[in-house]
Amino acid sequence: PPFTGNGMSMALQSAECALPFLVAYSQNHIDWKQTLSSMEQALHQRFQSRLRWAGMLQNMLLSSFWQTPLKILISSGIAPLQPLFHLTRN
């Protein structure tokens, strides 16, 4: 979802997650299947919360049902914008 923040930062964070497994593969410590499985698990663990929150936020922002309540919350200053921002950038 586009509300997950900077795509480039996610790309760099993904590379950081993958690096130890790629190094282990390059040194013949693990095979390619284990490398892929380990990277997938690490990426899922790293981004699952961020993507879940971003998906929910996107659904709410694009839903006609939620648009009026969200406008009221945002214009009144009640909406927890700062916490939502951080939840989609962890």
PDB file of N, CA and C in Angstrom:
ATOM      1  N   PRO A   1       0.826  -1.203   0.000  1.00  0.00           N
ATOM      2  CA  PRO A   1       0.000   0.000   0.000  1.00  0.00           C
ATOM      3  C   PRO A   1       0.866   1.262   0.000  1.00  0.00           C
ATOM      4  N   PRO A   2       0.407   2.324  -0.626  1.00  0.00           N
ATOM      5  CA  PRO A   2       1.229   3.529  -0.708  1.00  0.00           C
ATOM      6  C   PRO A   2       1.446   4.211   0.634  1.00  0.00           C
ATOM      7  N   PHE A   3       0.710   3.839   1.658  1.00  0.00           N
ATOM      8  CA  PHE A   3       0.849   4.492   2.957  1.00  0.00           C
ATOM      9  C   PHE A   3       1.923   3.855   3.832  1.00  0.00           C
ATOM     10  N   THR A   4       2.760   2.994   3.251  1.00  0.00           N
ATOM     11  CA  THR A   4       3.837   2.373   4.023  1.00  0.00           C
ATOM     12  C   THR A   4       5.070   3.249   4.106  1.00  0.00           C
ATOM     13  N   GLY A   5       5.057   4.364   3.425  1.00  0.00           N
ATOM     14  CA  GLY A   5       6.197   5.262   3.514  1.00  0.00           C
ATOM     15  C   GLY A   5       7.085   5.173   2.297  1.00  0.00           C
ATOM     16  N   ASN A   6       8.299   5.592   2.458  1.00  0.00           N
ATOM     17  CA  ASN A   6       9.266   5.684   1.379  1.00  0.00           C
ATOM     18  C   ASN A   6       9.647   4.287   0.872  1.00  0.00           C
ATOM     19  N   GLY A   7       9.353   4.031  -0.396  1.00  0.00           N
ATOM     20  CA  GLY A   7       9.682   2.730  -0.993  1.00  0.00           C
ATOM     21  C   GLY A   7      11.170   2.449  -1.003  1.00  0.00           C
ATOM     22  N   MET A   8      11.975   3.487  -1.152  1.00  0.00           N
ATOM     23  CA  MET A   8      13.419   3.292  -1.164  1.00  0.00           C
ATOM     24  C   MET A   8      13.913   2.835   0.199  1.00  0.00           C
ATOM     25  N   SER A   9      13.337   3.364   1.268  1.00  0.00           N
ATOM     26  CA  SER A   9      13.769   2.917   2.596  1.00  0.00           C
ATOM     27  C   SER A   9      13.390   1.453   2.814  1.00  0.00           C
ATOM     28  N   MET A  10      12.219   1.042   2.298  1.00  0.00           N
ATOM     29  CA  MET A  10      11.846  -0.370   2.411  1.00  0.00           C
ATOM     30  C   MET A  10      12.798  -1.251   1.606  1.00  0.00           C
ATOM     31  N   ALA A  11      13.233  -0.763   0.456  1.00  0.00           N
ATOM     32  CA  ALA A  11      14.188  -1.531  -0.353  1.00  0.00           C
ATOM     33  C   ALA A  11      15.504  -1.705   0.392  1.00  0.00           C
ATOM     34  N   LEU A  12      15.990  -0.640   1.000  1.00  0.00           N
ATOM     35  CA  LEU A  12      17.246  -0.732   1.756  1.00  0.00           C
ATOM     36  C   LEU A  12      17.090  -1.614   2.992  1.00  0.00           C
ATOM     37  N   GLN A  13      15.962  -1.518   3.676  1.00  0.00           N
ATOM     38  CA  GLN A  13      15.714  -2.373   4.837  1.00  0.00           C
ATOM     39  C   GLN A  13      15.593  -3.842   4.415  1.00  0.00           C
ATOM     40  N   SER A  14      15.012  -4.086   3.241  1.00  0.00           N
ATOM     41  CA  SER A  14      14.919  -5.455   2.720  1.00  0.00           C
ATOM     42  C   SER A  14      16.307  -6.013   2.439  1.00  0.00           C
ATOM     43  N   ALA A  15      17.153  -5.194   1.854  1.00  0.00           N
ATOM     44  CA  ALA A  15      18.523  -5.630   1.573  1.00  0.00           C
ATOM     45  C   ALA A  15      19.258  -5.947   2.871  1.00  0.00           C
ATOM     46  N   GLU A  16      19.033  -5.129   3.884  1.00  0.00           N
ATOM     47  CA  GLU A  16      19.663  -5.375   5.180  1.00  0.00           C
ATOM     48  C   GLU A  16      19.202  -6.711   5.766  1.00  0.00           C
ATOM     49  N   CYS A  17      17.926  -7.024   5.617  1.00  0.00           N
ATOM     50  CA  CYS A  17      17.392  -8.301   6.109  1.00  0.00           C
ATOM     51  C   CYS A  17      17.980  -9.485   5.343  1.00  0.00           C
ATOM     52  N   ALA A  18      18.153  -9.317   4.045  1.00  0.00           N
ATOM     53  CA  ALA A  18      18.608 -10.414   3.195  1.00  0.00           C
ATOM     54  C   ALA A  18      20.109 -10.672   3.301  1.00  0.00           C
ATOM     55  N   LEU A  19      20.871  -9.667   3.630  1.00  0.00           N
ATOM     56  CA  LEU A  19      22.330  -9.757   3.594  1.00  0.00           C
ATOM     57  C   LEU A  19      22.928 -10.951   4.345  1.00  0.00           C
ATOM     58  N   PRO A  20      22.563 -11.205   5.604  1.00  0.00           N
ATOM     59  CA  PRO A  20      23.200 -12.328   6.300  1.00  0.00           C
ATOM     60  C   PRO A  20      22.959 -13.672   5.620  1.00  0.00           C
ATOM     61  N   PHE A  21      21.785 -13.844   5.034  1.00  0.00           N
ATOM     62  CA  PHE A  21      21.471 -15.111   4.377  1.00  0.00           C
ATOM     63  C   PHE A  21      22.204 -15.240   3.049  1.00  0.00           C
ATOM     64  N   LEU A  22      22.366 -14.125   2.345  1.00  0.00           N
ATOM     65  CA  LEU A  22      23.114 -14.156   1.094  1.00  0.00           C
ATOM     66  C   LEU A  22      24.604 -14.395   1.351  1.00  0.00           C
ATOM     67  N   VAL A  23      25.107 -13.834   2.428  1.00  0.00           N
ATOM     68  CA  VAL A  23      26.510 -14.079   2.799  1.00  0.00           C
ATOM     69  C   VAL A  23      26.691 -15.556   3.158  1.00  0.00           C
ATOM     70  N   ALA A  24      25.769 -16.100   3.947  1.00  0.00           N
ATOM     71  CA  ALA A  24      25.855 -17.522   4.318  1.00  0.00           C
ATOM     72  C   ALA A  24      25.785 -18.407   3.077  1.00  0.00           C
ATOM     73  N   TYR A  25      24.932 -18.061   2.129  1.00  0.00           N
ATOM     74  CA  TYR A  25      24.843 -18.829   0.884  1.00  0.00           C
ATOM     75  C   TYR A  25      26.145 -18.731   0.094  1.00  0.00           C
ATOM     76  N   SER A  26      26.694 -17.528   0.002  1.00  0.00           N
ATOM     77  CA  SER A  26      27.912 -17.340  -0.788  1.00  0.00           C
ATOM     78  C   SER A  26      29.108 -18.083  -0.185  1.00  0.00           C
ATOM     79  N   GLN A  27      29.024 -18.371   1.114  1.00  0.00           N
ATOM     80  CA  GLN A  27      30.093 -19.105   1.789  1.00  0.00           C
ATOM     81  C   GLN A  27      29.764 -20.594   1.913  1.00  0.00           C
ATOM     82  N   ASN A  28      28.720 -21.030   1.194  1.00  0.00           N
ATOM     83  CA  ASN A  28      28.288 -22.441   1.166  1.00  0.00           C
ATOM     84  C   ASN A  28      27.871 -22.975   2.533  1.00  0.00           C
ATOM     85  N   HIS A  29      27.352 -22.093   3.392  1.00  0.00           N
ATOM     86  CA  HIS A  29      26.860 -22.538   4.698  1.00  0.00           C
ATOM     87  C   HIS A  29      25.408 -23.003   4.634  1.00  0.00           C
ATOM     88  N   ILE A  30      24.649 -22.456   3.682  1.00  0.00           N
ATOM     89  CA  ILE A  30      23.267 -22.871   3.466  1.00  0.00           C
ATOM     90  C   ILE A  30      23.012 -22.955   1.965  1.00  0.00           C
ATOM     91  N   ASP A  31      22.012 -23.774   1.595  1.00  0.00           N
ATOM     92  CA  ASP A  31      21.695 -23.898   0.174  1.00  0.00           C
ATOM     93  C   ASP A  31      20.717 -22.795  -0.247  1.00  0.00           C
ATOM     94  N   TRP A  32      20.452 -22.744  -1.563  1.00  0.00           N
ATOM     95  CA  TRP A  32      19.628 -21.658  -2.092  1.00  0.00           C
ATOM     96  C   TRP A  32      18.194 -21.727  -1.562  1.00  0.00           C
ATOM     97  N   LYS A  33      17.658 -22.926  -1.445  1.00  0.00           N
ATOM     98  CA  LYS A  33      16.284 -23.074  -0.943  1.00  0.00           C
ATOM     99  C   LYS A  33      16.184 -22.525   0.478  1.00  0.00           C
ATOM    100  N   GLN A  34      17.143 -22.847   1.322  1.00  0.00           N
ATOM    101  CA  GLN A  34      17.157 -22.334   2.697  1.00  0.00           C
ATOM    102  C   GLN A  34      17.394 -20.824   2.714  1.00  0.00           C
ATOM    103  N   THR A  35      18.196 -20.329   1.793  1.00  0.00           N
ATOM    104  CA  THR A  35      18.438 -18.886   1.687  1.00  0.00           C
ATOM    105  C   THR A  35      17.132 -18.154   1.408  1.00  0.00           C
ATOM    106  N   LEU A  36      16.397 -18.625   0.404  1.00  0.00           N
ATOM    107  CA  LEU A  36      15.125 -17.994   0.052  1.00  0.00           C
ATOM    108  C   LEU A  36      14.118 -18.077   1.186  1.00  0.00           C
ATOM    109  N   SER A  37      14.029 -19.233   1.801  1.00  0.00           N
ATOM    110  CA  SER A  37      13.089 -19.426   2.912  1.00  0.00           C
ATOM    111  C   SER A  37      13.428 -18.510   4.083  1.00  0.00           C
ATOM    112  N   SER A  38      14.695 -18.417   4.417  1.00  0.00           N
ATOM    113  CA  SER A  38      15.136 -17.572   5.528  1.00  0.00           C
ATOM    114  C   SER A  38      14.901 -16.096   5.235  1.00  0.00           C
ATOM    115  N   MET A  39      15.189 -15.685   3.997  1.00  0.00           N
ATOM    116  CA  MET A  39      14.957 -14.285   3.627  1.00  0.00           C
ATOM    117  C   MET A  39      13.468 -13.962   3.671  1.00  0.00           C
ATOM    118  N   GLU A  40      12.644 -14.868   3.161  1.00  0.00           N
ATOM    119  CA  GLU A  40      11.198 -14.635   3.171  1.00  0.00           C
ATOM    120  C   GLU A  40      10.680 -14.492   4.600  1.00  0.00           C
ATOM    121  N   GLN A  41      11.147 -15.341   5.492  1.00  0.00           N
ATOM    122  CA  GLN A  41      10.729 -15.279   6.899  1.00  0.00           C
ATOM    123  C   GLN A  41      11.198 -13.968   7.545  1.00  0.00           C
ATOM    124  N   ALA A  42      12.421 -13.573   7.280  1.00  0.00           N
ATOM    125  CA  ALA A  42      12.954 -12.333   7.860  1.00  0.00           C
ATOM    126  C   ALA A  42      12.198 -11.108   7.344  1.00  0.00           C
ATOM    127  N   LEU A  43      11.892 -11.100   6.045  1.00  0.00           N
ATOM    128  CA  LEU A  43      11.156  -9.977   5.465  1.00  0.00           C
ATOM    129  C   LEU A  43       9.725  -9.918   5.997  1.00  0.00           C
ATOM    130  N   HIS A  44       9.118 -11.076   6.141  1.00  0.00           N
ATOM    131  CA  HIS A  44       7.759 -11.123   6.695  1.00  0.00           C
ATOM    132  C   HIS A  44       7.759 -10.570   8.120  1.00  0.00           C
ATOM    133  N   GLN A  45       8.705 -11.003   8.909  1.00  0.00           N
ATOM    134  CA  GLN A  45       8.795 -10.538  10.297  1.00  0.00           C
ATOM    135  C   GLN A  45       9.073  -9.034  10.345  1.00  0.00           C
ATOM    136  N   ARG A  46       9.920  -8.553   9.457  1.00  0.00           N
ATOM    137  CA  ARG A  46      10.308  -7.136   9.464  1.00  0.00           C
ATOM    138  C   ARG A  46       9.165  -6.213   9.047  1.00  0.00           C
ATOM    139  N   PHE A  47       8.361  -6.645   8.065  1.00  0.00           N
ATOM    140  CA  PHE A  47       7.382  -5.739   7.468  1.00  0.00           C
ATOM    141  C   PHE A  47       5.921  -6.074   7.730  1.00  0.00           C
ATOM    142  N   GLN A  48       5.613  -7.194   8.385  1.00  0.00           N
ATOM    143  CA  GLN A  48       4.213  -7.593   8.506  1.00  0.00           C
ATOM    144  C   GLN A  48       3.351  -6.563   9.218  1.00  0.00           C
ATOM    145  N   SER A  49       3.821  -6.010  10.301  1.00  0.00           N
ATOM    146  CA  SER A  49       3.028  -5.030  11.038  1.00  0.00           C
ATOM    147  C   SER A  49       2.836  -3.759  10.220  1.00  0.00           C
ATOM    148  N   ARG A  50       3.908  -3.286   9.637  1.00  0.00           N
ATOM    149  CA  ARG A  50       3.863  -2.067   8.824  1.00  0.00           C
ATOM    150  C   ARG A  50       2.877  -2.206   7.667  1.00  0.00           C
ATOM    151  N   LEU A  51       2.936  -3.344   6.969  1.00  0.00           N
ATOM    152  CA  LEU A  51       2.057  -3.559   5.832  1.00  0.00           C
ATOM    153  C   LEU A  51       0.605  -3.759   6.260  1.00  0.00           C
ATOM    154  N   ARG A  52       0.403  -4.412   7.387  1.00  0.00           N
ATOM    155  CA  ARG A  52      -0.960  -4.606   7.898  1.00  0.00           C
ATOM    156  C   ARG A  52      -1.596  -3.254   8.216  1.00  0.00           C
ATOM    157  N   TRP A  53      -0.877  -2.410   8.961  1.00  0.00           N
ATOM    158  CA  TRP A  53      -1.403  -1.088   9.309  1.00  0.00           C
ATOM    159  C   TRP A  53      -1.629  -0.238   8.068  1.00  0.00           C
ATOM    160  N   ALA A  54      -0.700  -0.282   7.137  1.00  0.00           N
ATOM    161  CA  ALA A  54      -0.837   0.507   5.905  1.00  0.00           C
ATOM    162  C   ALA A  54      -2.039   0.033   5.096  1.00  0.00           C
ATOM    163  N   GLY A  55      -2.257  -1.265   5.045  1.00  0.00           N
ATOM    164  CA  GLY A  55      -3.409  -1.799   4.326  1.00  0.00           C
ATOM    165  C   GLY A  55      -4.720  -1.356   4.949  1.00  0.00           C
ATOM    166  N   MET A  56      -4.801  -1.416   6.264  1.00  0.00           N
ATOM    167  CA  MET A  56      -6.020  -0.970   6.948  1.00  0.00           C
ATOM    168  C   MET A  56      -6.248   0.515   6.736  1.00  0.00           C
ATOM    169  N   LEU A  57      -5.180   1.289   6.852  1.00  0.00           N
ATOM    170  CA  LEU A  57      -5.286   2.736   6.657  1.00  0.00           C
ATOM    171  C   LEU A  57      -5.720   3.063   5.229  1.00  0.00           C
ATOM    172  N   GLN A  58      -5.142   2.385   4.266  1.00  0.00           N
ATOM    173  CA  GLN A  58      -5.514   2.609   2.872  1.00  0.00           C
ATOM    174  C   GLN A  58      -6.987   2.290   2.655  1.00  0.00           C
ATOM    175  N   ASN A  59      -7.451   1.162   3.182  1.00  0.00           N
ATOM    176  CA  ASN A  59      -8.853   0.788   3.026  1.00  0.00           C
ATOM    177  C   ASN A  59      -9.778   1.842   3.636  1.00  0.00           C
ATOM    178  N   MET A  60      -9.407   2.364   4.786  1.00  0.00           N
ATOM    179  CA  MET A  60     -10.233   3.392   5.418  1.00  0.00           C
ATOM    180  C   MET A  60     -10.222   4.690   4.617  1.00  0.00           C
ATOM    181  N   LEU A  61      -9.046   5.112   4.165  1.00  0.00           N
ATOM    182  CA  LEU A  61      -8.943   6.375   3.434  1.00  0.00           C
ATOM    183  C   LEU A  61      -9.657   6.342   2.085  1.00  0.00           C
ATOM    184  N   LEU A  62      -9.721   5.179   1.480  1.00  0.00           N
ATOM    185  CA  LEU A  62     -10.348   5.062   0.172  1.00  0.00           C
ATOM    186  C   LEU A  62     -11.815   4.644   0.243  1.00  0.00           C
ATOM    187  N   SER A  63     -12.290   4.331   1.423  1.00  0.00           N
ATOM    188  CA  SER A  63     -13.677   3.906   1.611  1.00  0.00           C
ATOM    189  C   SER A  63     -14.591   5.114   1.771  1.00  0.00           C
ATOM    190  N   SER A  64     -15.662   5.150   1.005  1.00  0.00           N
ATOM    191  CA  SER A  64     -16.608   6.264   1.133  1.00  0.00           C
ATOM    192  C   SER A  64     -17.269   6.255   2.514  1.00  0.00           C
ATOM    193  N   PHE A  65     -17.406   5.091   3.118  1.00  0.00           N
ATOM    194  CA  PHE A  65     -17.994   4.975   4.446  1.00  0.00           C
ATOM    195  C   PHE A  65     -17.191   5.744   5.490  1.00  0.00           C
ATOM    196  N   TRP A  66     -15.859   5.679   5.408  1.00  0.00           N
ATOM    197  CA  TRP A  66     -14.982   6.272   6.420  1.00  0.00           C
ATOM    198  C   TRP A  66     -14.584   7.722   6.124  1.00  0.00           C
ATOM    199  N   GLN A  67     -14.820   8.220   4.936  1.00  0.00           N
ATOM    200  CA  GLN A  67     -14.315   9.545   4.575  1.00  0.00           C
ATOM    201  C   GLN A  67     -14.870  10.664   5.451  1.00  0.00           C
ATOM    202  N   THR A  68     -16.173  10.680   5.714  1.00  0.00           N
ATOM    203  CA  THR A  68     -16.736  11.741   6.561  1.00  0.00           C
ATOM    204  C   THR A  68     -16.247  11.638   8.005  1.00  0.00           C
ATOM    205  N   PRO A  69     -16.304  10.442   8.636  1.00  0.00           N
ATOM    206  CA  PRO A  69     -15.768  10.368  10.006  1.00  0.00           C
ATOM    207  C   PRO A  69     -14.288  10.750  10.093  1.00  0.00           C
ATOM    208  N   LEU A  70     -13.505  10.350   9.096  1.00  0.00           N
ATOM    209  CA  LEU A  70     -12.078  10.698   9.109  1.00  0.00           C
ATOM    210  C   LEU A  70     -11.874  12.204   8.964  1.00  0.00           C
ATOM    211  N   LYS A  71     -12.661  12.846   8.109  1.00  0.00           N
ATOM    212  CA  LYS A  71     -12.558  14.301   7.962  1.00  0.00           C
ATOM    213  C   LYS A  71     -12.857  14.993   9.280  1.00  0.00           C
ATOM    214  N   ILE A  72     -13.871  14.516   9.980  1.00  0.00           N
ATOM    215  CA  ILE A  72     -14.233  15.106  11.274  1.00  0.00           C
ATOM    216  C   ILE A  72     -13.104  14.905  12.286  1.00  0.00           C
ATOM    217  N   LEU A  73     -12.579  13.686  12.364  1.00  0.00           N
ATOM    218  CA  LEU A  73     -11.493  13.391  13.306  1.00  0.00           C
ATOM    219  C   LEU A  73     -10.248  14.223  12.999  1.00  0.00           C
ATOM    220  N   ILE A  74      -9.906  14.318  11.729  1.00  0.00           N
ATOM    221  CA  ILE A  74      -8.696  15.051  11.342  1.00  0.00           C
ATOM    222  C   ILE A  74      -8.879  16.551  11.573  1.00  0.00           C
ATOM    223  N   SER A  75     -10.018  17.091  11.152  1.00  0.00           N
ATOM    224  CA  SER A  75     -10.227  18.536  11.307  1.00  0.00           C
ATOM    225  C   SER A  75     -10.365  18.955  12.769  1.00  0.00           C
ATOM    226  N   SER A  76     -10.828  18.037  13.625  1.00  0.00           N
ATOM    227  CA  SER A  76     -10.952  18.367  15.047  1.00  0.00           C
ATOM    228  C   SER A  76      -9.653  18.117  15.814  1.00  0.00           C
ATOM    229  N   GLY A  77      -8.675  17.515  15.159  1.00  0.00           N
ATOM    230  CA  GLY A  77      -7.396  17.244  15.813  1.00  0.00           C
ATOM    231  C   GLY A  77      -7.409  15.997  16.687  1.00  0.00           C
ATOM    232  N   ILE A  78      -8.466  15.210  16.580  1.00  0.00           N
ATOM    233  CA  ILE A  78      -8.590  13.998  17.409  1.00  0.00           C
ATOM    234  C   ILE A  78      -7.881  12.804  16.776  1.00  0.00           C
ATOM    235  N   ALA A  79      -7.770  12.800  15.473  1.00  0.00           N
ATOM    236  CA  ALA A  79      -7.175  11.657  14.774  1.00  0.00           C
ATOM    237  C   ALA A  79      -5.730  11.451  15.233  1.00  0.00           C
ATOM    238  N   PRO A  80      -5.362  10.205  15.529  1.00  0.00           N
ATOM    239  CA  PRO A  80      -3.993   9.908  15.990  1.00  0.00           C
ATOM    240  C   PRO A  80      -3.010   9.824  14.824  1.00  0.00           C
ATOM    241  N   LEU A  81      -2.780  10.952  14.157  1.00  0.00           N
ATOM    242  CA  LEU A  81      -1.961  10.939  12.952  1.00  0.00           C
ATOM    243  C   LEU A  81      -0.510  10.542  13.213  1.00  0.00           C
ATOM    244  N   GLN A  82       0.076  11.066  14.267  1.00  0.00           N
ATOM    245  CA  GLN A  82       1.477  10.754  14.560  1.00  0.00           C
ATOM    246  C   GLN A  82       1.690   9.263  14.840  1.00  0.00           C
ATOM    247  N   PRO A  83       0.854   8.647  15.711  1.00  0.00           N
ATOM    248  CA  PRO A  83       1.014   7.194  15.919  1.00  0.00           C
ATOM    249  C   PRO A  83       0.788   6.379  14.644  1.00  0.00           C
ATOM    250  N   LEU A  84      -0.200   6.762  13.838  1.00  0.00           N
ATOM    251  CA  LEU A  84      -0.437   6.047  12.577  1.00  0.00           C
ATOM    252  C   LEU A  84       0.761   6.182  11.641  1.00  0.00           C
ATOM    253  N   PHE A  85       1.346   7.353  11.603  1.00  0.00           N
ATOM    254  CA  PHE A  85       2.536   7.566  10.778  1.00  0.00           C
ATOM    255  C   PHE A  85       3.644   6.594  11.209  1.00  0.00           C
ATOM    256  N   HIS A  86       3.870   6.483  12.495  1.00  0.00           N
ATOM    257  CA  HIS A  86       4.935   5.594  12.984  1.00  0.00           C
ATOM    258  C   HIS A  86       4.611   4.127  12.769  1.00  0.00           C
ATOM    259  N   LEU A  87       3.342   3.744  12.900  1.00  0.00           N
ATOM    260  CA  LEU A  87       2.948   2.345  12.672  1.00  0.00           C
ATOM    261  C   LEU A  87       3.184   1.917  11.226  1.00  0.00           C
ATOM    262  N   THR A  88       3.103   2.862  10.308  1.00  0.00           N
ATOM    263  CA  THR A  88       3.325   2.528   8.896  1.00  0.00           C
ATOM    264  C   THR A  88       4.766   2.743   8.459  1.00  0.00           C
ATOM    265  N   ARG A  89       5.641   3.010   9.392  1.00  0.00           N
ATOM    266  CA  ARG A  89       7.049   3.222   9.060  1.00  0.00           C
ATOM    267  C   ARG A  89       7.996   2.390   9.921  1.00  0.00           C
ATOM    268  N   ASN A  90       7.497   1.473  10.687  1.00  0.00           N
ATOM    269  CA  ASN A  90       8.349   0.614  11.549  1.00  0.00           C
ATOM    270  C   ASN A  90       9.018  -0.456  10.733  1.00  0.00           C
TER     271      ASN A  90
END
